[in-house]
């Protein structure tokens, strides 16, 4: 019996010991850092012959670079999308263009020669390489004309691009150690760093920080290993002249003047009678007429003289509202762009008007870069001839990112956000032309891309009257018409309806059923709505206000605008 007890105690001790051992093993496994290394191929992806990975500031790019004769060449698609969109491939001319505030550089593929405004130069190396894999721009030339630095590293081959004039957080490593792929000691090791190494801190979490090493690895280290954390702005790596702008004294108060045929120019004196506070008038004179950049014109020198006599600047508008014109084709052709640009500038010089207002709407996604290039090129001509350049753009939405509003804000003198058509003709969605929230959100979003002193808030002088016809089968048909302020008052009076204030839109609203059984709805633009929108110009300290369109207003709005914009 005693022998059995001894065996039992021995077994119990063995089991307990094994349990303790198991716990120790689990603890060791759990708390011992992994020494596993992540391969460069797993991290950067497989690299072909002469290929190099590209790290752009805080991420690994999907595109590759080439290392040729010891020099790095970066994929053009990456250059345009993330590094410097002012390098622009023009397929129509077979040239790479680079546009500064005053000059246009032209590069032919696989050539050391290039031209600047017709004068030839030799770079001493090929600036643009073309291969079966695509087009690649010399990193050396890129960093000469961009606020960025390109550093090349081996094993694996990679190009690390960092931007100048960028606020970053830096810290130093206290000890030698590993940078891991993810936060956690079991994550594989990307690279090793030594004590004293300065790294860029991208994000600091509870225990780990995401950092970038000086040679381009993006990974994680424990917070306890970092010291002397600080924020700084990196030095500018490229001295570049800003795009100088023409700004008139005080705020712009612009009204568009719709000119549908040449004879309407003679009516300017009558049309501006009673108008006060306006300092710019924009006649809708020019229309793209074909895909070669030619223009139909209603312009009139006498109109300019009358406007100047009335104390008004004239910013002539050019639009693309023609079914026979492909704006995409015009913008893609360097010859067509130049035809249009030269014509508009020559017209300004010949007729004496003060500015050009570009109103190219419905720009296709694939035409976005060509559109920005068109505006860059036109800005050079306008700048040299002291012609004000303004551009009209829709309220920012995800689907209109390709308008490159930040670039327009850089190269143009003024950017006008068209704060209307929240609900538009042809839509089944019934609502306000421009609710207050729509206006405010549009201005706030524009200010993230365009300097406030260049931003002009465009507001409507018209309302949209909506008709909803309910059919016998229960379906509905929605139609609408745009009406002036005076016409809206007449319609309400005839219907015997008084509007009420709609808090959700910040406008007067009315609805009724007409003799045809249609539900009629209207959100009114009037003195109060105009005054509220004008006040936003002063509140956000914008460059001015613009109104569409002369003739749709009541004369009482002019004082409301003047008081609102300050």
Protein backbone atom coordinates (compact mmCIF):
# COMPACT_ATOMS: atom_id res chain seq x y z
CA UNK A 1 0.00 0.00 0.00
CA UNK A 2 2.86 2.37 0.91
CA UNK A 3 4.54 1.45 -2.38
CA UNK A 4 1.39 2.42 -4.30
CA UNK A 5 1.30 5.79 -2.55
CA UNK A 6 4.93 6.45 -3.43
CA UNK A 7 4.22 5.65 -7.09
CA UNK A 8 1.17 7.90 -7.04
CA UNK A 9 3.16 10.79 -5.53
CA UNK A 10 5.93 10.25 -8.05
CA UNK A 11 3.52 10.30 -10.96
CA UNK A 12 1.86 13.40 -9.58
CA UNK A 13 5.23 15.09 -9.26
CA UNK A 14 6.15 14.12 -12.81
CA UNK A 15 2.84 15.41 -14.15
CA UNK A 16 3.22 18.65 -12.21
CA UNK A 17 6.74 19.03 -13.49
CA UNK A 18 5.62 18.43 -17.04
CA UNK A 19 2.87 21.00 -16.54
CA UNK A 20 5.35 23.55 -15.30
CA UNK A 21 7.65 22.70 -18.19
CA UNK A 22 4.78 23.11 -20.65
CA UNK A 23 3.95 26.50 -19.16
CA UNK A 24 7.59 27.53 -19.41
CA UNK A 25 7.72 26.38 -23.02
CA UNK A 26 4.54 28.29 -23.83
CA UNK A 27 5.91 31.40 -22.14
CA UNK A 28 9.22 31.09 -23.93
CA UNK A 29 7.49 30.60 -27.27
CA UNK A 30 5.07 33.44 -26.57
CA UNK A 31 7.55 36.00 -25.30
CA UNK A 32 10.66 35.20 -27.32
CA UNK A 33 11.01 37.51 -30.34
CA UNK A 34 11.02 35.83 -33.72
CA UNK A 35 14.31 35.82 -35.62
CA UNK A 36 12.63 35.02 -38.93
CA UNK A 37 13.61 37.40 -41.73
CA UNK A 38 11.19 38.48 -44.44
CA UNK A 39 12.78 38.16 -47.84
CA UNK A 40 13.17 41.22 -50.01
CA UNK A 41 11.06 39.50 -52.67
CA UNK A 42 8.22 38.98 -50.21
CA UNK A 43 8.40 42.61 -49.12
CA UNK A 44 9.12 44.50 -52.34
CA UNK A 45 7.87 41.90 -54.80
CA UNK A 46 9.84 40.09 -57.48
CA UNK A 47 12.23 42.33 -59.41
CA UNK A 48 13.17 41.71 -63.02
CA UNK A 49 16.45 42.47 -64.73
CA UNK A 50 17.51 46.10 -64.17
CA UNK A 51 14.39 46.71 -62.07
CA UNK A 52 14.27 48.46 -58.70
CA UNK A 53 11.53 48.90 -56.15
CA UNK A 54 10.32 52.45 -55.44
CA UNK A 55 9.44 53.71 -51.97
CA UNK A 56 7.61 57.04 -51.98
CA UNK A 57 7.88 58.76 -48.57
CA UNK A 58 5.62 56.37 -46.62
CA UNK A 59 4.61 53.53 -48.96
CA UNK A 60 5.99 51.10 -51.49
CA UNK A 61 4.77 52.05 -54.96
CA UNK A 62 3.32 49.45 -57.30
CA UNK A 63 5.39 50.76 -60.20
CA UNK A 64 9.06 49.96 -60.72
CA UNK A 65 12.16 51.94 -61.52
CA UNK A 66 14.99 50.94 -63.84
CA UNK A 67 18.69 51.05 -62.98
CA UNK A 68 20.56 51.66 -66.24
CA UNK A 69 24.27 52.44 -66.39
CA UNK A 70 24.19 53.20 -62.68
CA UNK A 71 21.35 55.75 -62.97
CA UNK A 72 17.76 55.41 -61.80
CA UNK A 73 14.74 55.97 -64.06
CA UNK A 74 11.27 56.11 -62.50
CA UNK A 75 8.09 54.89 -64.16
CA UNK A 76 6.34 57.86 -65.79
CA UNK A 77 2.91 56.81 -64.51
CA UNK A 78 4.20 57.07 -60.94
CA UNK A 79 5.88 60.41 -61.67
CA UNK A 80 2.66 61.92 -62.97
CA UNK A 81 0.39 60.45 -60.32
CA UNK A 82 2.47 61.07 -57.19
CA UNK A 83 5.74 62.89 -57.78
CA UNK A 84 5.35 65.77 -60.23
CA UNK A 85 2.31 65.95 -62.55
CA UNK A 86 3.88 68.85 -64.43
CA UNK A 87 5.84 66.26 -66.39
CA UNK A 88 3.24 65.49 -69.04
CA UNK A 89 3.46 62.98 -71.88
CA UNK A 90 1.83 64.41 -74.99
CA UNK A 91 1.08 61.49 -77.28
CA UNK A 92 -0.07 63.78 -80.09
CA UNK A 93 3.39 65.37 -80.28
CA UNK A 94 5.39 62.34 -79.15
CA UNK A 95 7.08 64.49 -76.50
CA UNK A 96 7.34 64.73 -72.76
CA UNK A 97 6.47 68.27 -71.67
CA UNK A 98 7.46 69.95 -68.44
CA UNK A 99 5.80 73.27 -67.67
CA UNK A 100 7.09 75.92 -65.30
CA UNK A 101 5.57 79.32 -64.58
CA UNK A 102 7.21 80.79 -67.68
CA UNK A 103 8.60 77.99 -69.88
CA UNK A 104 7.82 74.65 -71.47
CA UNK A 105 10.56 71.99 -71.69
CA UNK A 106 10.26 69.39 -74.48
CA UNK A 107 11.91 65.97 -74.30
CA UNK A 108 12.03 63.41 -77.08
CA UNK A 109 12.29 59.77 -75.94
CA UNK A 110 15.77 58.23 -75.72
CA UNK A 111 17.59 61.47 -76.50
CA UNK A 112 20.02 63.59 -74.53
CA UNK A 113 18.79 66.73 -76.31
CA UNK A 114 15.81 68.79 -75.21
CA UNK A 115 14.36 72.20 -76.01
CA UNK A 116 13.06 75.08 -73.91
CA UNK A 117 10.85 77.51 -75.79
CA UNK A 118 12.52 76.46 -79.03
CA UNK A 119 16.12 76.72 -77.76
CA UNK A 120 18.10 73.44 -77.76
CA UNK A 121 20.08 72.04 -74.83
CA UNK A 122 21.93 68.80 -74.04
CA UNK A 123 21.36 67.10 -70.69
CA UNK A 124 24.35 64.79 -71.14
CA UNK A 125 22.13 61.78 -70.54
CA UNK A 126 18.77 60.50 -71.76
CA UNK A 127 16.05 62.20 -69.73
CA UNK A 128 13.23 59.95 -70.96
CA UNK A 129 13.75 56.23 -71.56
CA UNK A 130 11.24 54.09 -73.40
CA UNK A 131 11.31 50.30 -73.15
CA UNK A 132 8.88 47.46 -73.67
CA UNK A 133 7.89 48.02 -70.02
CA UNK A 134 6.86 51.64 -70.61
CA UNK A 135 8.30 55.14 -70.16
CA UNK A 136 10.80 56.05 -67.45
CA UNK A 137 11.99 59.49 -66.37
CA UNK A 138 15.52 60.16 -65.13
CA UNK A 139 15.47 60.43 -61.34
CA UNK A 140 18.37 62.86 -61.60
CA UNK A 141 16.45 65.25 -63.85
CA UNK A 142 13.24 64.76 -61.86
CA UNK A 143 14.81 65.90 -58.61
CA UNK A 144 16.40 68.91 -60.29
CA UNK A 145 12.93 70.25 -61.07
CA UNK A 146 10.87 68.87 -58.21
CA UNK A 147 10.83 69.40 -54.47
CA UNK A 148 11.96 65.85 -53.73
CA UNK A 149 15.07 63.72 -53.33
CA UNK A 150 15.74 60.32 -54.94
CA UNK A 151 18.25 58.00 -53.24
CA UNK A 152 19.32 54.65 -54.68
CA UNK A 153 20.18 51.60 -52.58
CA UNK A 154 21.36 48.08 -53.37
CA UNK A 155 20.48 44.58 -52.13
CA UNK A 156 17.72 44.75 -53.13
CA UNK A 157 17.87 47.57 -55.71
CA UNK A 158 15.46 50.33 -54.67
CA UNK A 159 14.85 54.04 -55.06
CA UNK A 160 13.71 55.94 -51.96
CA UNK A 161 11.85 59.18 -52.76
CA UNK A 162 11.32 61.78 -50.03
CA UNK A 163 9.64 65.16 -50.37
CA UNK A 164 11.03 68.48 -49.28
CA UNK A 165 9.04 71.10 -47.35
CA UNK A 166 7.01 68.35 -45.68
CA UNK A 167 6.22 68.22 -41.97
CA UNK A 168 7.39 64.93 -40.50
CA UNK A 169 7.91 63.42 -37.04
CA UNK A 170 11.39 62.01 -36.37
CA UNK A 171 12.96 60.03 -33.54
CA UNK A 172 16.23 58.25 -32.74
CA UNK A 173 16.76 54.59 -31.89
CA UNK A 174 18.12 54.00 -28.37
CA UNK A 175 19.58 50.57 -29.14
CA UNK A 176 20.50 48.29 -32.01
CA UNK A 177 17.54 46.20 -33.06
CA UNK A 178 15.09 44.88 -35.60
CA UNK A 179 12.43 46.66 -37.65
CA UNK A 180 9.50 44.29 -38.04
CA UNK A 181 6.93 43.95 -40.80
CA UNK A 182 4.04 44.40 -38.35
CA UNK A 183 3.74 45.52 -34.72
CA UNK A 184 4.54 42.49 -32.57
CA UNK A 185 7.58 40.42 -31.65
CA UNK A 186 6.39 37.47 -33.75
CA UNK A 187 6.24 39.52 -36.94
CA UNK A 188 9.16 38.80 -39.32
CA UNK A 189 12.17 41.13 -39.40
CA UNK A 190 12.52 43.50 -42.35
CA UNK A 191 15.90 45.00 -41.52
CA UNK A 192 18.22 45.84 -38.63
CA UNK A 193 19.00 49.36 -37.41
CA UNK A 194 21.76 50.61 -35.14
CA UNK A 195 21.53 52.83 -32.11
CA UNK A 196 21.37 56.53 -32.92
CA UNK A 197 19.70 56.03 -36.29
CA UNK A 198 17.15 58.77 -37.02
CA UNK A 199 13.88 57.42 -38.39
CA UNK A 200 10.64 59.00 -39.55
CA UNK A 201 7.66 58.14 -37.34
CA UNK A 202 4.50 57.61 -39.39
CA UNK A 203 2.12 56.47 -36.65
CA UNK A 204 2.50 55.85 -32.93
CA UNK A 205 0.27 53.26 -31.30
CA UNK A 206 0.05 52.04 -27.72
CA UNK A 207 3.19 49.88 -27.76
CA UNK A 208 4.57 50.06 -31.30
CA UNK A 209 5.32 52.77 -33.83
CA UNK A 210 5.33 52.56 -37.60
CA UNK A 211 8.58 54.05 -38.86
CA UNK A 212 10.57 54.58 -42.05
CA UNK A 213 14.29 53.85 -42.01
CA UNK A 214 16.75 56.12 -43.83
CA UNK A 215 17.12 53.49 -46.56
CA UNK A 216 13.41 53.11 -47.24
CA UNK A 217 12.10 50.22 -45.14
CA UNK A 218 8.65 50.84 -43.63
CA UNK A 219 8.07 48.76 -40.52
CA UNK A 220 7.52 48.73 -36.76
CA UNK A 221 9.60 49.15 -33.61
CA UNK A 222 8.62 49.27 -29.95
CA UNK A 223 7.91 52.74 -28.58
CA UNK A 224 10.36 52.08 -25.74
CA UNK A 225 13.18 52.01 -28.27
CA UNK A 226 12.53 55.56 -29.51
CA UNK A 227 13.85 58.79 -28.01
CA UNK A 228 14.06 62.50 -28.82
CA UNK A 229 10.87 62.54 -30.84
CA UNK A 230 10.32 65.83 -32.64
CA UNK A 231 8.33 67.39 -35.46
CA UNK A 232 10.05 69.30 -38.20
CA UNK A 233 9.66 70.55 -41.75
CA UNK A 234 12.25 69.07 -44.07
CA UNK A 235 14.27 71.54 -46.07
CA UNK A 236 13.23 72.40 -49.58
CA UNK A 237 15.29 70.35 -52.02
CA UNK A 238 14.51 72.36 -55.14
CA UNK A 239 14.20 76.11 -55.39
CA UNK A 240 11.27 76.72 -57.70
CA UNK A 241 9.55 79.94 -58.65
CA UNK A 242 5.93 80.02 -57.58
CA UNK A 243 3.29 80.74 -60.20
CA UNK A 244 2.78 84.50 -59.80
CA UNK A 245 -0.84 85.65 -59.87
CA UNK A 246 -2.74 88.75 -60.86
CA UNK A 247 -5.05 89.92 -58.10
CA UNK A 248 -7.26 92.93 -58.24
CA UNK A 249 -7.59 95.16 -55.22
CA UNK A 250 -10.46 94.04 -53.02
CA UNK A 251 -12.83 91.17 -53.66
CA UNK A 252 -14.07 90.16 -57.09
CA UNK A 253 -17.79 90.60 -57.67
CA UNK A 254 -18.39 88.98 -61.05
CA UNK A 255 -21.61 88.48 -62.95
CA UNK A 256 -21.84 86.30 -66.03
CA UNK A 257 -23.63 87.87 -69.00
CA UNK A 258 -25.21 85.36 -71.35
CA UNK A 259 -24.69 86.34 -74.98
CA UNK A 260 -26.59 83.99 -77.32
CA UNK A 261 -26.04 85.97 -80.54
CA UNK A 262 -23.86 88.96 -81.51
CA UNK A 263 -26.68 91.52 -81.40
CA UNK A 264 -27.07 90.96 -77.64
CA UNK A 265 -23.78 92.81 -77.04
CA UNK A 266 -25.50 96.12 -77.77
CA UNK A 267 -27.85 95.52 -74.83
CA UNK A 268 -25.14 95.77 -72.19
CA UNK A 269 -26.09 99.31 -71.20
CA UNK A 270 -29.70 98.26 -70.57
CA UNK A 271 -28.71 94.98 -68.90
CA UNK A 272 -26.40 96.58 -66.32
CA UNK A 273 -28.79 99.41 -65.48
CA UNK A 274 -29.51 99.27 -61.76
CA UNK A 275 -26.53 97.01 -61.13
CA UNK A 276 -24.27 98.11 -58.28
CA UNK A 277 -21.18 96.70 -56.58
CA UNK A 278 -20.15 94.50 -59.52
CA UNK A 279 -16.58 95.02 -60.78
CA UNK A 280 -16.26 92.20 -63.36
CA UNK A 281 -18.60 91.15 -66.16
CA UNK A 282 -18.06 87.88 -68.03
CA UNK A 283 -19.78 87.68 -71.41
CA UNK A 284 -20.29 84.16 -72.80
CA UNK A 285 -18.62 84.99 -76.11
CA UNK A 286 -16.61 81.97 -77.19
CA UNK A 287 -17.60 78.38 -78.01
CA UNK A 288 -15.42 75.49 -79.11
CA UNK A 289 -16.54 74.73 -82.66
CA UNK A 290 -14.45 71.68 -83.66
CA UNK A 291 -11.83 69.22 -82.43
CA UNK A 292 -8.97 71.33 -83.80
CA UNK A 293 -9.39 74.05 -81.17
CA UNK A 294 -11.19 76.53 -83.39
CA UNK A 295 -13.76 78.83 -81.85
CA UNK A 296 -17.08 80.43 -82.70
CA UNK A 297 -17.11 84.00 -81.45
CA UNK A 298 -19.73 86.59 -80.48
CA UNK A 299 -17.06 89.01 -79.21
CA UNK A 300 -17.45 92.75 -79.67
CA UNK A 301 -14.88 95.50 -79.08
CA UNK A 302 -17.62 98.07 -78.48
CA UNK A 303 -18.93 95.94 -75.61
CA UNK A 304 -15.51 96.10 -73.95
CA UNK A 305 -15.40 99.88 -74.25
CA UNK A 306 -18.90 100.23 -72.77
CA UNK A 307 -18.03 97.90 -69.88
CA UNK A 308 -14.79 99.75 -69.13
CA UNK A 309 -16.65 103.05 -69.20
CA UNK A 310 -19.01 101.61 -66.59
CA UNK A 311 -16.06 100.68 -64.39
CA UNK A 312 -16.20 96.96 -65.19
CA UNK A 313 -13.42 94.57 -66.10
CA UNK A 314 -14.30 92.10 -68.85
CA UNK A 315 -13.38 88.44 -68.44
CA UNK A 316 -14.49 86.73 -71.66
CA UNK A 317 -15.83 83.19 -71.21
CA UNK A 318 -15.11 80.21 -73.45
CA UNK A 319 -17.30 77.09 -73.17
CA UNK A 320 -17.54 73.62 -74.69
CA UNK A 321 -21.32 73.19 -74.97
CA UNK A 322 -21.46 71.68 -78.44
CA UNK A 323 -22.51 68.18 -79.43
CA UNK A 324 -20.11 68.28 -82.38
CA UNK A 325 -17.00 68.84 -80.25
CA UNK A 326 -15.00 66.29 -78.28
CA UNK A 327 -13.37 68.21 -75.47
CA UNK A 328 -11.25 65.13 -74.77
CA UNK A 329 -9.86 65.26 -78.32
CA UNK A 330 -9.14 68.99 -78.11
CA UNK A 331 -7.29 68.69 -74.81
CA UNK A 332 -5.29 65.64 -75.98
CA UNK A 333 -3.93 67.45 -79.05
CA UNK A 334 -1.09 69.86 -78.49
CA UNK A 335 -1.86 71.58 -81.77
CA UNK A 336 -5.52 72.03 -80.82
CA UNK A 337 -4.60 73.33 -77.38
CA UNK A 338 -2.22 75.87 -78.89
CA UNK A 339 -4.79 76.96 -81.47
CA UNK A 340 -7.33 77.66 -78.73
CA UNK A 341 -4.83 79.28 -76.36
CA UNK A 342 -3.32 81.59 -78.97
CA UNK A 343 -6.72 82.61 -80.27
CA UNK A 344 -8.03 83.58 -76.83
CA UNK A 345 -4.92 85.55 -75.89
CA UNK A 346 -4.81 87.33 -79.25
CA UNK A 347 -8.50 88.23 -78.85
CA UNK A 348 -7.79 89.74 -75.44
CA UNK A 349 -4.97 91.83 -76.86
CA UNK A 350 -6.94 92.86 -79.93
CA UNK A 351 -10.25 93.70 -78.24
CA UNK A 352 -8.76 94.96 -74.98
CA UNK A 353 -10.60 92.77 -72.50
CA UNK A 354 -8.98 92.04 -69.16
CA UNK A 355 -9.35 88.34 -68.50
CA UNK A 356 -10.25 84.89 -69.80
CA UNK A 357 -12.76 82.67 -68.03
CA UNK A 358 -12.44 78.96 -68.90
CA UNK A 359 -15.74 77.10 -68.57
CA UNK A 360 -14.97 73.63 -69.92
CA UNK A 361 -17.50 71.36 -68.25
CA UNK A 362 -18.09 67.62 -68.23
CA UNK A 363 -14.37 66.83 -68.45
CA UNK A 364 -13.94 63.06 -68.93
CA UNK A 365 -11.86 61.10 -66.43
CA UNK A 366 -9.27 60.21 -69.04
CA UNK A 367 -8.86 63.89 -70.00
CA UNK A 368 -7.96 65.13 -66.52
CA UNK A 369 -4.19 65.38 -66.99
CA UNK A 370 -4.60 66.95 -70.44
CA UNK A 371 -7.00 69.51 -68.94
CA UNK A 372 -4.46 70.47 -66.27
CA UNK A 373 -1.75 70.74 -68.94
CA UNK A 374 -3.99 72.99 -71.06
CA UNK A 375 -4.43 75.34 -68.10
CA UNK A 376 -0.69 75.34 -67.31
CA UNK A 377 0.16 76.26 -70.88
CA UNK A 378 -2.52 78.94 -71.09
CA UNK A 379 -1.38 80.43 -67.78
CA UNK A 380 2.07 81.15 -69.27
CA UNK A 381 0.58 83.16 -72.14
CA UNK A 382 -1.80 85.02 -69.83
CA UNK A 383 0.95 85.77 -67.33
CA UNK A 384 3.24 87.18 -70.03
CA UNK A 385 0.46 89.44 -71.33
CA UNK A 386 -1.04 90.44 -67.94
CA UNK A 387 -4.37 88.78 -68.71
CA UNK A 388 -6.37 87.51 -65.73
CA UNK A 389 -6.97 83.76 -65.98
CA UNK A 390 -9.95 82.26 -64.17
CA UNK A 391 -11.51 78.83 -64.38
CA UNK A 392 -14.93 77.45 -63.44
CA UNK A 393 -15.10 74.10 -61.67
CA UNK A 394 -17.91 72.03 -60.13
CA UNK A 395 -18.33 71.60 -56.40
CA UNK A 396 -15.78 68.97 -55.27
CA UNK A 397 -17.05 65.40 -55.44
CA UNK A 398 -15.19 62.09 -55.62
CA UNK A 399 -16.12 61.75 -59.30
CA UNK A 400 -14.51 65.11 -60.15
CA UNK A 401 -11.07 64.58 -58.58
CA UNK A 402 -9.59 64.45 -62.07
CA UNK A 403 -10.18 68.20 -62.43
CA UNK A 404 -6.93 68.60 -60.41
CA UNK A 405 -8.28 71.56 -58.49
CA UNK A 406 -5.04 71.94 -56.53
CA UNK A 407 -3.11 72.45 -59.77
CA UNK A 408 -5.72 74.92 -61.04
CA UNK A 409 -5.34 76.79 -57.77
CA UNK A 410 -1.58 76.99 -58.38
CA UNK A 411 -1.54 78.14 -62.01
CA UNK A 412 -4.71 80.27 -62.29
CA UNK A 413 -5.37 83.70 -60.85
CA UNK A 414 -8.88 82.75 -59.68
CA UNK A 415 -10.85 79.52 -59.37
CA UNK A 416 -14.63 79.84 -59.38
CA UNK A 417 -16.54 77.01 -57.71
CA UNK A 418 -19.95 76.66 -59.34
CA UNK A 419 -22.06 76.29 -56.22
CA UNK A 420 -25.27 75.34 -57.99
CA UNK A 421 -26.99 72.45 -59.78
CA UNK A 422 -27.16 70.44 -56.58
CA UNK A 423 -30.36 69.25 -58.26
CA UNK A 424 -30.32 69.76 -62.00
CA UNK A 425 -32.38 69.51 -65.18
CA UNK A 426 -33.02 65.95 -66.28
CA UNK A 427 -32.62 64.50 -62.80
CA UNK A 428 -35.37 62.48 -61.10
CA UNK A 429 -34.19 63.83 -57.75
CA UNK A 430 -36.23 66.88 -56.83
CA UNK A 431 -34.63 69.56 -54.67
CA UNK A 432 -32.88 72.87 -54.28
CA UNK A 433 -30.53 74.29 -56.90
CA UNK A 434 -28.14 75.20 -54.08
CA UNK A 435 -28.96 74.54 -50.43
CA UNK A 436 -26.88 76.30 -47.79
CA UNK A 437 -25.22 73.05 -46.72
CA UNK A 438 -24.28 72.40 -50.34
CA UNK A 439 -22.72 75.86 -50.57
CA UNK A 440 -20.84 75.61 -47.28
CA UNK A 441 -19.52 72.10 -47.93
CA UNK A 442 -18.41 73.10 -51.42
CA UNK A 443 -16.45 76.09 -50.10
CA UNK A 444 -14.87 74.12 -47.26
CA UNK A 445 -13.77 71.30 -49.58
CA UNK A 446 -12.40 73.73 -52.16
CA UNK A 447 -10.31 75.45 -49.48
CA UNK A 448 -8.38 72.22 -48.91
CA UNK A 449 -7.03 72.56 -52.47
CA UNK A 450 -7.27 76.23 -53.50
CA UNK A 451 -5.91 79.27 -51.60
CA UNK A 452 -8.72 81.33 -50.12
CA UNK A 453 -7.60 84.53 -51.85
CA UNK A 454 -8.00 82.78 -55.23
CA UNK A 455 -11.35 81.13 -54.53
CA UNK A 456 -14.51 82.75 -55.87
CA UNK A 457 -17.90 81.42 -54.76
CA UNK A 458 -20.33 81.03 -57.66
CA UNK A 459 -24.02 81.35 -56.72
CA UNK A 460 -27.27 81.04 -58.72
CA UNK A 461 -29.71 83.81 -59.58
CA UNK A 462 -32.27 81.21 -60.71
CA UNK A 463 -34.58 78.67 -59.11
CA UNK A 464 -35.82 75.38 -60.51
CA UNK A 465 -39.56 74.70 -60.63
CA UNK A 466 -40.22 70.96 -60.38
CA UNK A 467 -43.27 69.15 -61.74
CA UNK A 468 -44.08 65.60 -60.62
CA UNK A 469 -46.82 63.88 -62.62
CA UNK A 470 -48.19 60.68 -61.09
CA UNK A 471 -49.50 58.30 -63.72
CA UNK A 472 -52.44 55.91 -63.44
CA UNK A 473 -50.10 52.95 -63.03
CA UNK A 474 -48.51 54.61 -59.99
CA UNK A 475 -45.30 55.64 -61.72
CA UNK A 476 -44.08 59.23 -61.63
CA UNK A 477 -42.58 61.50 -64.25
CA UNK A 478 -40.39 64.41 -63.12
CA UNK A 479 -39.65 67.49 -65.23
CA UNK A 480 -38.37 70.94 -64.36
CA UNK A 481 -37.64 74.41 -65.67
CA UNK A 482 -35.25 77.13 -64.56
CA UNK A 483 -36.95 80.42 -63.65
CA UNK A 484 -35.69 83.88 -62.76
CA UNK A 485 -36.46 85.52 -59.43
CA UNK A 486 -39.17 87.71 -60.94
CA UNK A 487 -40.74 84.80 -62.82
CA UNK A 488 -40.82 82.71 -59.63
CA UNK A 489 -42.77 85.48 -57.88
CA UNK A 490 -45.25 85.61 -60.76
CA UNK A 491 -45.77 81.84 -60.67
CA UNK A 492 -46.41 81.82 -56.91
CA UNK A 493 -48.82 84.74 -57.18
CA UNK A 494 -50.77 83.01 -59.97
CA UNK A 495 -50.96 79.82 -57.91
CA UNK A 496 -52.08 81.76 -54.82
CA UNK A 497 -49.27 80.23 -52.76
CA UNK A 498 -47.07 81.80 -50.08
CA UNK A 499 -43.65 80.20 -49.47
CA UNK A 500 -42.47 79.08 -46.04
CA UNK A 501 -38.94 78.89 -44.69
CA UNK A 502 -37.27 75.49 -45.08
CA UNK A 503 -34.68 75.02 -42.34
CA UNK A 504 -32.98 72.10 -44.11
CA UNK A 505 -32.02 74.17 -47.17
CA UNK A 506 -31.97 77.70 -45.74
CA UNK A 507 -34.47 78.82 -48.39
CA UNK A 508 -38.10 79.72 -48.88
CA UNK A 509 -40.07 76.73 -50.16
CA UNK A 510 -43.49 76.33 -51.77
CA UNK A 511 -45.54 73.47 -53.18
CA UNK A 512 -48.97 73.14 -54.76
CA UNK A 513 -50.92 71.07 -57.26
CA UNK A 514 -51.55 72.70 -60.63
CA UNK A 515 -54.50 72.35 -63.01
CA UNK A 516 -52.88 69.34 -64.69
CA UNK A 517 -52.72 67.49 -61.38
CA UNK A 518 -48.95 67.85 -61.12
CA UNK A 519 -47.18 68.39 -57.81
CA UNK A 520 -45.26 71.66 -58.17
CA UNK A 521 -42.26 72.36 -55.90
CA UNK A 522 -39.78 75.23 -55.75
CA UNK A 523 -36.92 76.28 -53.49
CA UNK A 524 -36.51 80.00 -54.00
CA UNK A 525 -33.43 82.04 -54.71
CA UNK A 526 -34.21 85.52 -53.43
CA UNK A 527 -32.66 88.44 -51.56
CA UNK A 528 -32.36 86.42 -48.35
CA UNK A 529 -30.73 83.35 -49.92
CA UNK A 530 -28.33 85.55 -51.88
CA UNK A 531 -27.44 87.54 -48.76
CA UNK A 532 -26.72 84.33 -46.83
CA UNK A 533 -24.45 83.04 -49.59
CA UNK A 534 -22.67 86.38 -49.93
CA UNK A 535 -21.98 86.35 -46.19
CA UNK A 536 -20.00 83.12 -46.65
CA UNK A 537 -17.49 85.04 -48.78
CA UNK A 538 -16.70 87.31 -45.85
CA UNK A 539 -16.85 84.48 -43.30
CA UNK A 540 -14.28 82.37 -45.19
CA UNK A 541 -12.31 85.40 -46.44
CA UNK A 542 -12.61 84.34 -50.08
CA UNK A 543 -11.38 86.12 -53.18
CA UNK A 544 -14.89 87.02 -54.25
CA UNK A 545 -18.29 86.00 -55.54
CA UNK A 546 -19.77 85.26 -58.98
CA UNK A 547 -23.42 85.16 -60.05
CA UNK A 548 -25.14 83.16 -62.78
CA UNK A 549 -26.66 84.91 -64.63
CA UNK A 550 -27.29 88.64 -65.30
CA UNK A 551 -30.99 89.31 -65.90
CA UNK A 552 -32.30 86.61 -63.56
CA UNK A 553 -31.92 88.79 -60.47
CA UNK A 554 -34.01 91.40 -58.73
CA UNK A 555 -32.09 94.64 -58.37
CA UNK A 556 -32.47 94.40 -54.59
CA UNK A 557 -29.88 91.59 -54.53
CA UNK A 558 -27.00 93.87 -55.49
CA UNK A 559 -26.94 95.62 -52.13
CA UNK A 560 -27.29 92.26 -50.34
CA UNK A 561 -24.19 91.01 -52.17
CA UNK A 562 -22.17 94.17 -51.57
CA UNK A 563 -22.95 94.13 -47.85
CA UNK A 564 -22.30 90.41 -47.53
CA UNK A 565 -18.88 90.20 -49.17
CA UNK A 566 -17.59 93.28 -47.34
